[in-house]
N, C-alpha and C. Protein backbone atom coordinates (compact mmCIF):
# COMPACT_ATOMS: atom_id res chain seq x y z
N UNK A 1 124.29 87.34 122.74
CA UNK A 1 123.01 87.83 123.16
C UNK A 1 123.10 88.67 124.44
N UNK A 2 122.49 89.70 124.48
CA UNK A 2 122.58 90.60 125.61
C UNK A 2 121.74 89.82 126.80
N UNK A 3 122.33 89.96 128.06
CA UNK A 3 121.62 89.33 129.11
C UNK A 3 120.40 90.22 129.42
N UNK A 4 119.24 89.56 129.86
CA UNK A 4 118.04 90.26 130.31
C UNK A 4 118.36 91.02 131.56
N UNK A 5 117.87 92.25 131.54
CA UNK A 5 118.12 93.16 132.66
C UNK A 5 118.55 94.54 132.21
N UNK A 6 119.19 95.26 133.17
CA UNK A 6 119.59 96.57 132.89
C UNK A 6 120.71 96.65 131.88
N UNK A 7 120.54 97.63 130.85
CA UNK A 7 121.58 97.74 129.90
C UNK A 7 122.11 99.17 129.83
N UNK A 8 123.23 99.49 129.23
CA UNK A 8 123.69 100.85 129.14
C UNK A 8 122.86 101.59 128.15
N UNK A 9 122.93 102.90 128.23
CA UNK A 9 122.19 103.75 127.38
C UNK A 9 122.76 103.61 125.87
N UNK A 10 124.04 103.29 125.87
CA UNK A 10 124.68 103.07 124.58
C UNK A 10 124.06 101.79 123.86
N UNK A 11 123.87 100.78 124.58
CA UNK A 11 123.34 99.47 124.00
C UNK A 11 121.88 99.79 123.52
N UNK A 12 121.09 100.46 124.46
CA UNK A 12 119.74 100.87 124.14
C UNK A 12 119.70 101.60 122.79
N UNK A 13 120.54 102.62 122.73
CA UNK A 13 120.56 103.51 121.49
C UNK A 13 120.96 102.74 120.25
N UNK A 14 121.94 101.82 120.41
CA UNK A 14 122.30 101.03 119.36
C UNK A 14 121.26 100.26 118.69
N UNK A 15 120.42 99.60 119.56
CA UNK A 15 119.28 98.77 119.16
C UNK A 15 118.14 99.62 118.61
N UNK A 16 117.97 100.92 119.15
CA UNK A 16 117.00 101.79 118.47
C UNK A 16 117.41 102.06 117.05
N UNK A 17 118.70 102.18 116.74
CA UNK A 17 119.16 102.43 115.39
C UNK A 17 118.91 101.19 114.56
N UNK A 18 119.12 99.93 115.10
CA UNK A 18 118.79 98.81 114.36
C UNK A 18 117.24 98.61 114.08
N UNK A 19 116.43 99.10 115.00
CA UNK A 19 115.03 99.02 114.92
C UNK A 19 114.39 100.01 113.96
N UNK A 20 115.19 101.05 113.53
CA UNK A 20 114.58 102.17 112.81
C UNK A 20 113.97 101.54 111.51
N UNK A 21 112.71 101.88 111.37
CA UNK A 21 111.98 101.49 110.06
C UNK A 21 111.53 100.00 110.06
N UNK A 22 111.96 99.28 111.09
CA UNK A 22 111.62 97.86 111.18
C UNK A 22 110.95 97.38 112.45
N UNK A 23 111.21 98.23 113.44
CA UNK A 23 110.64 97.92 114.75
C UNK A 23 109.25 98.41 115.07
N UNK A 24 108.86 98.30 116.31
CA UNK A 24 107.56 98.62 116.78
C UNK A 24 107.76 99.33 118.11
N UNK A 25 106.87 100.25 118.41
CA UNK A 25 106.81 100.87 119.71
C UNK A 25 106.30 99.88 120.78
N UNK A 26 106.96 99.81 121.90
CA UNK A 26 106.67 98.83 122.94
C UNK A 26 105.26 98.95 123.42
N UNK A 27 104.72 100.17 123.22
CA UNK A 27 103.25 100.37 123.61
C UNK A 27 102.28 99.50 122.87
N UNK A 28 102.71 99.09 121.69
CA UNK A 28 101.81 98.22 120.79
C UNK A 28 102.07 96.71 121.13
N UNK A 29 102.60 96.43 122.31
CA UNK A 29 102.84 95.04 122.69
C UNK A 29 102.18 94.72 124.09
N UNK A 30 102.11 93.50 124.44
CA UNK A 30 101.61 93.17 125.67
C UNK A 30 102.70 93.29 126.70
N UNK A 31 103.92 93.65 126.37
CA UNK A 31 104.98 93.96 127.33
C UNK A 31 104.95 95.22 128.03
N UNK A 32 104.19 96.17 127.48
CA UNK A 32 104.17 97.53 128.01
C UNK A 32 103.68 97.61 129.42
N UNK A 33 104.35 98.37 130.29
CA UNK A 33 103.99 98.67 131.66
C UNK A 33 103.86 100.20 131.86
N UNK A 34 102.99 100.59 132.67
CA UNK A 34 102.84 102.07 132.97
C UNK A 34 104.06 102.70 133.47
N UNK A 35 104.93 101.93 134.13
CA UNK A 35 106.17 102.43 134.68
C UNK A 35 107.22 102.81 133.58
N UNK A 36 106.97 102.38 132.48
CA UNK A 36 107.95 102.66 131.28
C UNK A 36 107.56 104.10 130.73
N UNK A 37 108.63 104.76 130.37
CA UNK A 37 108.41 106.04 129.64
C UNK A 37 108.42 105.81 128.14
N UNK A 38 109.24 104.83 127.72
CA UNK A 38 109.30 104.61 126.34
C UNK A 38 109.96 103.22 126.23
N UNK A 39 109.87 102.71 124.89
CA UNK A 39 110.43 101.41 124.64
C UNK A 39 110.17 101.01 123.25
N UNK A 40 110.77 99.90 122.77
CA UNK A 40 110.65 99.54 121.39
C UNK A 40 110.92 97.95 121.35
N UNK A 41 110.54 97.35 120.25
CA UNK A 41 111.00 96.09 119.94
C UNK A 41 111.66 96.09 118.53
N UNK A 42 112.62 95.31 118.47
CA UNK A 42 113.56 95.30 117.25
C UNK A 42 113.57 93.81 116.76
N UNK A 43 113.36 93.71 115.38
CA UNK A 43 113.37 92.29 114.86
C UNK A 43 114.81 91.73 114.93
N UNK A 44 114.90 90.46 115.20
CA UNK A 44 116.22 89.86 115.23
C UNK A 44 116.37 89.03 113.95
N UNK A 45 117.51 88.40 113.79
CA UNK A 45 117.87 87.53 112.64
C UNK A 45 117.06 86.29 112.57
N UNK A 46 116.53 85.83 113.68
CA UNK A 46 115.87 84.47 113.67
C UNK A 46 114.30 84.74 113.65
N UNK A 47 113.79 85.82 113.32
CA UNK A 47 112.38 86.02 113.21
C UNK A 47 111.67 86.39 114.41
N UNK A 48 112.36 86.62 115.48
CA UNK A 48 111.86 87.11 116.80
C UNK A 48 112.00 88.60 117.01
N UNK A 49 111.66 88.97 118.16
CA UNK A 49 111.68 90.42 118.59
C UNK A 49 112.53 90.55 119.83
N UNK A 50 113.43 91.51 119.75
CA UNK A 50 114.19 91.95 120.98
C UNK A 50 113.59 93.10 121.51
N UNK A 51 113.10 93.10 122.83
CA UNK A 51 112.38 94.14 123.51
C UNK A 51 113.19 94.98 124.48
N UNK A 52 113.05 96.29 124.41
CA UNK A 52 113.74 97.22 125.21
C UNK A 52 112.80 98.21 125.80
N UNK A 53 113.08 98.69 127.01
CA UNK A 53 112.28 99.74 127.72
C UNK A 53 113.17 100.67 128.51
N UNK A 54 112.58 101.83 128.75
CA UNK A 54 113.31 102.71 129.62
C UNK A 54 112.20 103.38 130.57
N UNK A 55 112.59 103.41 131.89
CA UNK A 55 111.63 103.96 132.85
C UNK A 55 111.99 105.37 133.24
N UNK A 56 112.91 106.02 132.58
CA UNK A 56 113.29 107.40 132.93
C UNK A 56 114.61 107.45 133.68
N UNK A 57 114.93 106.34 134.37
CA UNK A 57 116.22 106.17 135.09
C UNK A 57 117.15 105.24 134.46
N UNK A 58 116.57 103.98 134.17
CA UNK A 58 117.34 102.92 133.70
C UNK A 58 116.88 102.42 132.29
N UNK A 59 117.69 101.76 131.52
CA UNK A 59 117.36 101.21 130.32
C UNK A 59 117.31 99.63 130.48
N UNK A 60 116.41 98.86 129.83
CA UNK A 60 116.33 97.51 130.11
C UNK A 60 116.20 96.72 128.76
N UNK A 61 116.84 95.60 128.79
CA UNK A 61 116.59 94.63 127.72
C UNK A 61 115.67 93.61 128.42
N UNK A 62 114.43 93.53 127.75
CA UNK A 62 113.34 92.68 128.41
C UNK A 62 113.49 91.17 127.96
N UNK A 63 114.07 91.03 126.82
CA UNK A 63 114.27 89.57 126.31
C UNK A 63 113.88 89.50 124.83
N UNK A 64 114.04 88.19 124.38
CA UNK A 64 113.70 87.85 123.04
C UNK A 64 112.31 87.27 123.03
N UNK A 65 111.43 87.60 122.21
CA UNK A 65 110.01 87.16 122.13
C UNK A 65 109.70 86.78 120.72
N UNK A 66 108.54 86.03 120.69
CA UNK A 66 107.99 85.72 119.29
C UNK A 66 106.79 86.77 119.01
N UNK A 67 106.04 86.45 118.05
CA UNK A 67 104.81 87.33 117.70
C UNK A 67 103.83 87.37 118.78
N UNK A 68 103.83 86.53 119.75
CA UNK A 68 102.78 86.51 120.84
C UNK A 68 102.80 87.81 121.61
N UNK A 69 103.86 88.59 121.39
CA UNK A 69 103.84 89.86 122.27
C UNK A 69 102.89 90.90 121.65
N UNK A 70 102.42 90.65 120.40
CA UNK A 70 101.46 91.58 119.81
C UNK A 70 100.04 91.07 120.07
N UNK A 71 99.14 91.99 120.58
CA UNK A 71 97.77 91.58 120.79
C UNK A 71 97.10 91.24 119.50
N UNK A 72 96.18 90.25 119.52
CA UNK A 72 95.47 89.97 118.23
C UNK A 72 94.79 91.21 117.65
N UNK A 73 94.76 91.27 116.32
CA UNK A 73 94.09 92.41 115.76
C UNK A 73 92.57 92.29 116.04
N UNK A 74 91.97 93.51 116.23
CA UNK A 74 90.66 93.48 116.50
C UNK A 74 89.89 93.07 115.17
N UNK A 75 88.98 92.17 115.37
CA UNK A 75 88.13 91.61 114.35
C UNK A 75 87.12 92.62 113.76
N UNK A 76 87.14 92.97 112.48
CA UNK A 76 86.14 93.89 112.00
C UNK A 76 84.75 93.22 112.00
N UNK A 77 83.75 94.03 111.88
CA UNK A 77 82.35 93.58 111.95
C UNK A 77 82.03 92.45 110.90
N UNK A 78 82.50 92.71 109.60
CA UNK A 78 82.15 91.74 108.62
C UNK A 78 82.87 90.41 108.83
N UNK A 79 84.17 90.39 109.28
CA UNK A 79 84.86 89.15 109.56
C UNK A 79 84.16 88.50 110.67
N UNK A 80 83.69 89.25 111.65
CA UNK A 80 83.04 88.58 112.90
C UNK A 80 81.73 87.92 112.35
N UNK A 81 80.91 88.67 111.54
CA UNK A 81 79.74 87.99 111.02
C UNK A 81 80.04 86.73 110.23
N UNK A 82 81.00 86.79 109.39
CA UNK A 82 81.38 85.58 108.61
C UNK A 82 81.86 84.45 109.47
N UNK A 83 82.63 84.73 110.56
CA UNK A 83 83.08 83.70 111.52
C UNK A 83 81.87 83.10 112.19
N UNK A 84 80.91 83.94 112.66
CA UNK A 84 79.79 83.43 113.39
C UNK A 84 78.93 82.61 112.54
N UNK A 85 78.60 83.00 111.27
CA UNK A 85 77.86 82.33 110.34
C UNK A 85 78.49 80.87 110.09
N UNK A 86 79.80 80.95 110.01
CA UNK A 86 80.52 79.71 109.79
C UNK A 86 80.38 78.74 110.91
N UNK A 87 80.43 79.20 112.21
CA UNK A 87 80.08 78.43 113.32
C UNK A 87 78.63 77.80 113.28
N UNK A 88 77.69 78.62 112.81
CA UNK A 88 76.29 78.14 112.70
C UNK A 88 76.22 77.03 111.74
N UNK A 89 76.94 77.16 110.59
CA UNK A 89 76.87 76.17 109.54
C UNK A 89 77.48 74.75 109.99
N UNK A 90 78.39 74.79 110.98
CA UNK A 90 79.02 73.65 111.49
C UNK A 90 78.24 72.98 112.74
N UNK A 91 77.40 73.78 113.28
CA UNK A 91 76.75 73.36 114.52
C UNK A 91 75.53 72.37 114.36
N UNK A 92 75.14 71.75 115.37
CA UNK A 92 73.90 71.04 115.43
C UNK A 92 72.70 71.92 115.10
N UNK A 93 71.56 71.37 114.70
CA UNK A 93 70.36 72.25 114.32
C UNK A 93 70.09 73.23 115.40
N UNK A 94 69.88 72.71 116.67
CA UNK A 94 69.50 73.52 117.76
C UNK A 94 70.51 74.64 118.09
N UNK A 95 71.79 74.34 118.11
CA UNK A 95 72.92 75.24 118.36
C UNK A 95 72.91 76.25 117.25
N UNK A 96 72.78 75.80 116.02
CA UNK A 96 72.80 76.67 114.82
C UNK A 96 71.77 77.79 114.90
N UNK A 97 70.56 77.46 115.35
CA UNK A 97 69.48 78.40 115.52
C UNK A 97 69.86 79.37 116.64
N UNK A 98 70.39 78.88 117.74
CA UNK A 98 70.77 79.78 118.83
C UNK A 98 71.87 80.78 118.35
N UNK A 99 72.80 80.34 117.65
CA UNK A 99 73.85 81.23 117.05
C UNK A 99 73.27 82.26 116.16
N UNK A 100 72.37 81.83 115.28
CA UNK A 100 71.75 82.74 114.29
C UNK A 100 70.88 83.82 115.07
N UNK A 101 70.25 83.39 116.16
CA UNK A 101 69.38 84.25 116.90
C UNK A 101 70.23 85.27 117.60
N UNK A 102 71.35 84.84 118.17
CA UNK A 102 72.26 85.79 118.81
C UNK A 102 72.76 86.87 117.93
N UNK A 103 73.12 86.42 116.70
CA UNK A 103 73.68 87.35 115.72
C UNK A 103 72.60 88.30 115.28
N UNK A 104 71.36 87.79 115.09
CA UNK A 104 70.24 88.64 114.69
C UNK A 104 70.00 89.69 115.70
N UNK A 105 70.14 89.45 117.02
CA UNK A 105 69.95 90.37 118.06
C UNK A 105 71.15 91.23 118.38
N UNK A 106 72.25 90.85 117.81
CA UNK A 106 73.53 91.65 118.08
C UNK A 106 73.29 93.16 117.66
N UNK A 107 73.54 94.05 118.59
CA UNK A 107 73.40 95.54 118.28
C UNK A 107 74.17 95.95 116.96
N UNK A 108 75.31 95.29 116.67
CA UNK A 108 76.05 95.62 115.59
C UNK A 108 75.31 95.30 114.26
N UNK A 109 74.26 94.42 114.35
CA UNK A 109 73.63 94.04 113.11
C UNK A 109 72.14 94.39 113.10
N UNK A 110 71.78 95.34 114.04
CA UNK A 110 70.35 95.78 114.15
C UNK A 110 69.71 96.26 112.93
N UNK A 111 70.51 96.68 111.94
CA UNK A 111 69.84 97.27 110.80
C UNK A 111 69.27 96.19 109.89
N UNK A 112 69.52 94.89 110.27
CA UNK A 112 69.01 93.76 109.62
C UNK A 112 67.71 93.20 110.24
N UNK A 113 67.28 93.96 111.36
CA UNK A 113 66.21 93.43 112.11
C UNK A 113 64.96 94.32 111.88
N UNK A 114 63.82 93.82 112.42
CA UNK A 114 62.61 94.63 112.46
C UNK A 114 61.99 94.50 113.82
N UNK A 115 61.15 95.34 114.23
CA UNK A 115 60.48 95.31 115.51
C UNK A 115 59.79 93.98 115.74
N UNK A 116 59.11 93.42 114.59
CA UNK A 116 58.44 92.15 114.81
C UNK A 116 59.48 91.02 114.90
N UNK A 117 60.58 91.23 114.12
CA UNK A 117 61.60 90.16 114.24
C UNK A 117 62.23 90.04 115.62
N UNK A 118 62.41 91.25 116.19
CA UNK A 118 62.99 91.23 117.50
C UNK A 118 62.04 90.60 118.58
N UNK A 119 60.67 90.93 118.45
CA UNK A 119 59.75 90.24 119.26
C UNK A 119 59.78 88.75 119.10
N UNK A 120 59.83 88.31 117.83
CA UNK A 120 59.89 86.88 117.53
C UNK A 120 61.14 86.25 118.21
N UNK A 121 62.26 86.90 117.97
CA UNK A 121 63.55 86.43 118.47
C UNK A 121 63.58 86.31 120.02
N UNK A 122 62.71 87.11 120.63
CA UNK A 122 62.58 87.12 122.19
C UNK A 122 61.43 86.29 122.66
N UNK A 123 60.79 85.65 121.78
CA UNK A 123 59.57 84.78 122.18
C UNK A 123 60.10 83.27 122.26
N UNK A 124 60.15 82.71 123.46
CA UNK A 124 60.72 81.37 123.56
C UNK A 124 59.93 80.33 122.77
N UNK A 125 58.63 80.52 122.52
CA UNK A 125 57.84 79.60 121.77
C UNK A 125 58.25 79.70 120.20
N UNK A 126 58.55 80.88 119.79
CA UNK A 126 58.92 81.00 118.40
C UNK A 126 60.27 80.46 118.19
N UNK A 127 61.26 80.71 119.06
CA UNK A 127 62.61 80.15 118.98
C UNK A 127 62.46 78.70 118.99
N UNK A 128 61.71 78.09 119.89
CA UNK A 128 61.53 76.69 119.92
C UNK A 128 61.00 76.16 118.51
N UNK A 129 59.99 76.79 118.07
CA UNK A 129 59.47 76.46 116.72
C UNK A 129 60.49 76.49 115.65
N UNK A 130 61.25 77.59 115.63
CA UNK A 130 62.24 77.67 114.63
C UNK A 130 63.36 76.61 114.63
N UNK A 131 63.73 76.32 115.92
CA UNK A 131 64.69 75.29 116.16
C UNK A 131 64.10 73.89 115.73
N UNK A 132 62.94 73.62 116.08
CA UNK A 132 62.25 72.26 115.71
C UNK A 132 62.08 72.18 114.20
N UNK A 133 61.65 73.34 113.57
CA UNK A 133 61.56 73.38 112.19
C UNK A 133 62.82 73.09 111.47
N UNK A 134 63.88 73.74 111.81
CA UNK A 134 65.16 73.53 111.27
C UNK A 134 65.66 72.07 111.39
N UNK A 135 65.40 71.47 112.58
CA UNK A 135 65.86 70.12 112.82
C UNK A 135 64.86 69.24 111.87
N UNK A 136 63.69 69.50 111.76
CA UNK A 136 62.86 68.77 110.84
C UNK A 136 63.36 68.86 109.40
N UNK A 137 63.75 70.05 108.92
CA UNK A 137 64.27 70.26 107.63
C UNK A 137 65.59 69.39 107.45
N UNK A 138 66.40 69.45 108.39
CA UNK A 138 67.67 68.61 108.41
C UNK A 138 67.35 67.16 108.22
N UNK A 139 66.37 66.74 109.04
CA UNK A 139 66.07 65.30 109.03
C UNK A 139 65.35 64.94 107.64
N UNK A 140 64.45 65.79 107.24
CA UNK A 140 63.81 65.52 105.89
C UNK A 140 64.58 65.64 104.63
N UNK A 141 65.64 66.50 104.78
CA UNK A 141 66.50 66.60 103.55
C UNK A 141 67.74 65.72 103.59
N UNK A 142 67.95 65.05 104.68
CA UNK A 142 69.01 63.99 104.81
C UNK A 142 70.36 64.73 104.49
N UNK A 143 70.56 65.85 104.95
CA UNK A 143 71.89 66.58 104.80
C UNK A 143 71.97 67.35 103.48
N UNK A 144 70.93 67.39 102.63
CA UNK A 144 70.95 68.20 101.46
C UNK A 144 70.34 69.51 101.56
N UNK A 145 70.02 69.93 102.82
CA UNK A 145 69.40 71.23 103.01
C UNK A 145 70.43 72.33 102.82
N UNK A 146 70.02 73.55 102.57
CA UNK A 146 70.85 74.70 102.45
C UNK A 146 71.54 74.86 103.87
N UNK A 147 72.46 75.80 103.90
CA UNK A 147 73.20 76.05 105.16
C UNK A 147 72.34 76.99 105.96
N UNK A 148 72.46 76.91 107.30
CA UNK A 148 71.81 77.89 108.17
C UNK A 148 72.08 79.35 107.81
N UNK A 149 73.33 79.62 107.51
CA UNK A 149 73.83 81.02 107.16
C UNK A 149 73.08 81.54 105.91
N UNK A 150 72.70 80.60 105.05
CA UNK A 150 71.94 80.95 103.86
C UNK A 150 70.44 81.47 104.15
N UNK A 151 69.90 80.94 105.23
CA UNK A 151 68.57 81.28 105.67
C UNK A 151 68.64 82.47 106.57
N UNK A 152 69.57 82.40 107.47
CA UNK A 152 69.68 83.42 108.55
C UNK A 152 68.47 83.44 109.45
N UNK A 153 68.49 84.00 110.59
CA UNK A 153 67.43 84.08 111.58
C UNK A 153 66.24 84.84 110.97
N UNK A 154 66.63 85.90 110.11
CA UNK A 154 65.52 86.60 109.49
C UNK A 154 64.73 85.79 108.52
N UNK A 155 65.33 84.78 107.94
CA UNK A 155 64.51 83.92 107.04
C UNK A 155 63.43 83.18 107.83
N UNK A 156 63.80 82.76 109.01
CA UNK A 156 62.81 82.05 109.81
C UNK A 156 61.72 82.98 110.35
N UNK A 157 62.17 84.28 110.68
CA UNK A 157 61.17 85.31 111.04
C UNK A 157 60.12 85.43 110.02
N UNK A 158 60.61 85.47 108.68
CA UNK A 158 59.73 85.67 107.55
C UNK A 158 58.79 84.54 107.43
N UNK A 159 59.25 83.24 107.82
CA UNK A 159 58.33 82.02 107.73
C UNK A 159 57.22 82.21 108.69
N UNK A 160 57.43 82.91 109.83
CA UNK A 160 56.37 83.13 110.76
C UNK A 160 55.46 84.24 110.36
N UNK A 161 56.04 85.27 109.81
CA UNK A 161 55.19 86.47 109.44
C UNK A 161 54.47 86.10 108.06
N UNK A 162 55.03 85.31 107.19
CA UNK A 162 54.32 84.88 105.94
C UNK A 162 54.55 83.41 105.85
N UNK A 163 53.66 82.53 106.41
CA UNK A 163 53.99 81.11 106.53
C UNK A 163 53.69 80.26 105.32
N UNK A 164 53.26 80.92 104.14
CA UNK A 164 52.94 80.09 102.97
C UNK A 164 53.90 79.09 102.58
N UNK A 165 55.18 79.49 102.38
CA UNK A 165 56.27 78.62 101.93
C UNK A 165 56.49 77.59 102.90
N UNK A 166 56.64 77.89 104.20
CA UNK A 166 56.81 76.85 105.16
C UNK A 166 55.76 75.87 105.30
N UNK A 167 54.44 76.32 105.22
CA UNK A 167 53.34 75.38 105.19
C UNK A 167 53.24 74.45 104.05
N UNK A 168 53.68 75.03 102.86
CA UNK A 168 53.77 74.26 101.69
C UNK A 168 54.84 73.14 101.88
N UNK A 169 55.92 73.51 102.50
CA UNK A 169 57.00 72.53 102.67
C UNK A 169 56.59 71.46 103.69
N UNK A 170 55.96 71.89 104.75
CA UNK A 170 55.52 70.89 105.77
C UNK A 170 54.37 70.00 105.30
N UNK A 171 53.38 70.59 104.50
CA UNK A 171 52.31 69.79 104.12
C UNK A 171 52.00 69.98 102.64
N UNK A 172 52.84 69.39 101.71
CA UNK A 172 52.76 69.62 100.29
C UNK A 172 51.37 69.08 99.81
N UNK A 173 50.81 68.10 100.42
CA UNK A 173 49.58 67.46 100.00
C UNK A 173 48.44 67.70 101.04
N UNK A 174 48.47 68.75 101.76
CA UNK A 174 47.49 68.99 102.85
C UNK A 174 48.03 68.28 104.10
N UNK A 175 47.17 68.24 105.13
CA UNK A 175 47.48 67.58 106.42
C UNK A 175 47.80 66.10 106.19
N UNK A 176 49.00 65.69 106.13
CA UNK A 176 49.36 64.25 105.91
C UNK A 176 49.67 63.86 107.33
N UNK A 177 48.77 62.99 107.89
CA UNK A 177 48.84 62.58 109.27
C UNK A 177 50.01 61.43 109.46
N UNK A 178 50.49 61.03 108.24
CA UNK A 178 51.52 59.94 108.38
C UNK A 178 52.79 60.64 108.78
N UNK A 179 52.91 61.92 108.81
CA UNK A 179 54.06 62.59 109.24
C UNK A 179 53.60 63.66 110.39
N UNK A 180 53.40 63.03 111.65
CA UNK A 180 52.89 63.79 112.65
C UNK A 180 53.74 65.00 113.15
N UNK A 181 55.07 64.91 112.94
CA UNK A 181 55.86 66.03 113.23
C UNK A 181 55.64 67.28 112.35
N UNK A 182 55.42 66.99 111.08
CA UNK A 182 55.11 68.06 110.11
C UNK A 182 53.87 68.74 110.45
N UNK A 183 52.79 67.95 110.77
CA UNK A 183 51.60 68.41 111.18
C UNK A 183 51.53 69.33 112.40
N UNK A 184 52.21 68.89 113.32
CA UNK A 184 52.45 69.57 114.61
C UNK A 184 53.16 70.86 114.34
N UNK A 185 54.16 70.86 113.51
CA UNK A 185 54.98 72.15 113.19
C UNK A 185 54.04 73.05 112.48
N UNK A 186 53.27 72.54 111.58
CA UNK A 186 52.39 73.44 110.76
C UNK A 186 51.32 74.08 111.70
N UNK A 187 50.73 73.33 112.61
CA UNK A 187 49.78 73.92 113.47
C UNK A 187 50.32 74.93 114.39
N UNK A 188 51.49 74.68 114.87
CA UNK A 188 52.22 75.70 115.80
C UNK A 188 52.57 76.91 114.90
N UNK A 189 52.96 76.73 113.70
CA UNK A 189 53.33 77.88 112.91
C UNK A 189 52.05 78.77 112.62
N UNK A 190 50.85 78.10 112.43
CA UNK A 190 49.66 78.89 112.12
C UNK A 190 49.40 79.75 113.39
N UNK A 191 49.57 79.14 114.59
CA UNK A 191 49.29 79.86 115.79
C UNK A 191 50.24 81.06 116.04
N UNK A 192 51.50 80.78 115.65
CA UNK A 192 52.49 81.91 115.74
C UNK A 192 52.24 83.09 114.85
N UNK A 193 51.88 82.61 113.56
CA UNK A 193 51.56 83.61 112.60
C UNK A 193 50.34 84.50 113.08
N UNK A 194 49.35 83.92 113.64
CA UNK A 194 48.24 84.72 114.15
C UNK A 194 48.73 85.77 115.21
N UNK A 195 49.70 85.30 116.04
CA UNK A 195 50.20 86.12 117.02
C UNK A 195 50.87 87.38 116.51
N UNK A 196 51.77 87.15 115.43
CA UNK A 196 52.56 88.17 114.87
C UNK A 196 52.19 88.68 113.56
N UNK A 197 50.98 88.32 113.01
CA UNK A 197 50.60 88.81 111.67
C UNK A 197 50.53 90.30 111.64
N UNK A 198 51.02 90.90 110.55
CA UNK A 198 51.16 92.29 110.47
C UNK A 198 49.71 92.90 110.11
């Protein structure tokens, strides 16, 4: 193995030849420095990478590295959405709603929002109601509820804008005072609906 440090131009060129078609530009790694003019990484026989650089005067062998020298690939918008929705599905009810709200307000996903929805998402009383309502659903369904990602924050916005389904869920037989939490949620929902009715 070559010692780390300055190497001859001959050694540098030999490893460029080995890297041809299999290597990577050093600029695509975390090893790149502005003082370098050029450089490359060359795969070795053990699955690692041999890194070389040139600063215009000298040639350097930087060492043997693993794949950690490559920055993580930037996550595309759809993968990010899927990852965030997965986090919401695994979170507690309150945290799940916070995650869904943040996703709903994310500028990358604004095409899924409405002006009323943004106003609701920025209204602390609405967010509290949504969080309490989701916690109630989780309690009432004993773990058999749908996933938060299946409802999305927009689904809860629709419950406020058109509360008929949520009211039917909360009070299937009218105001049943034996379930005070459901009655309280229904009353708050009616108030929020009046605030945001179209």
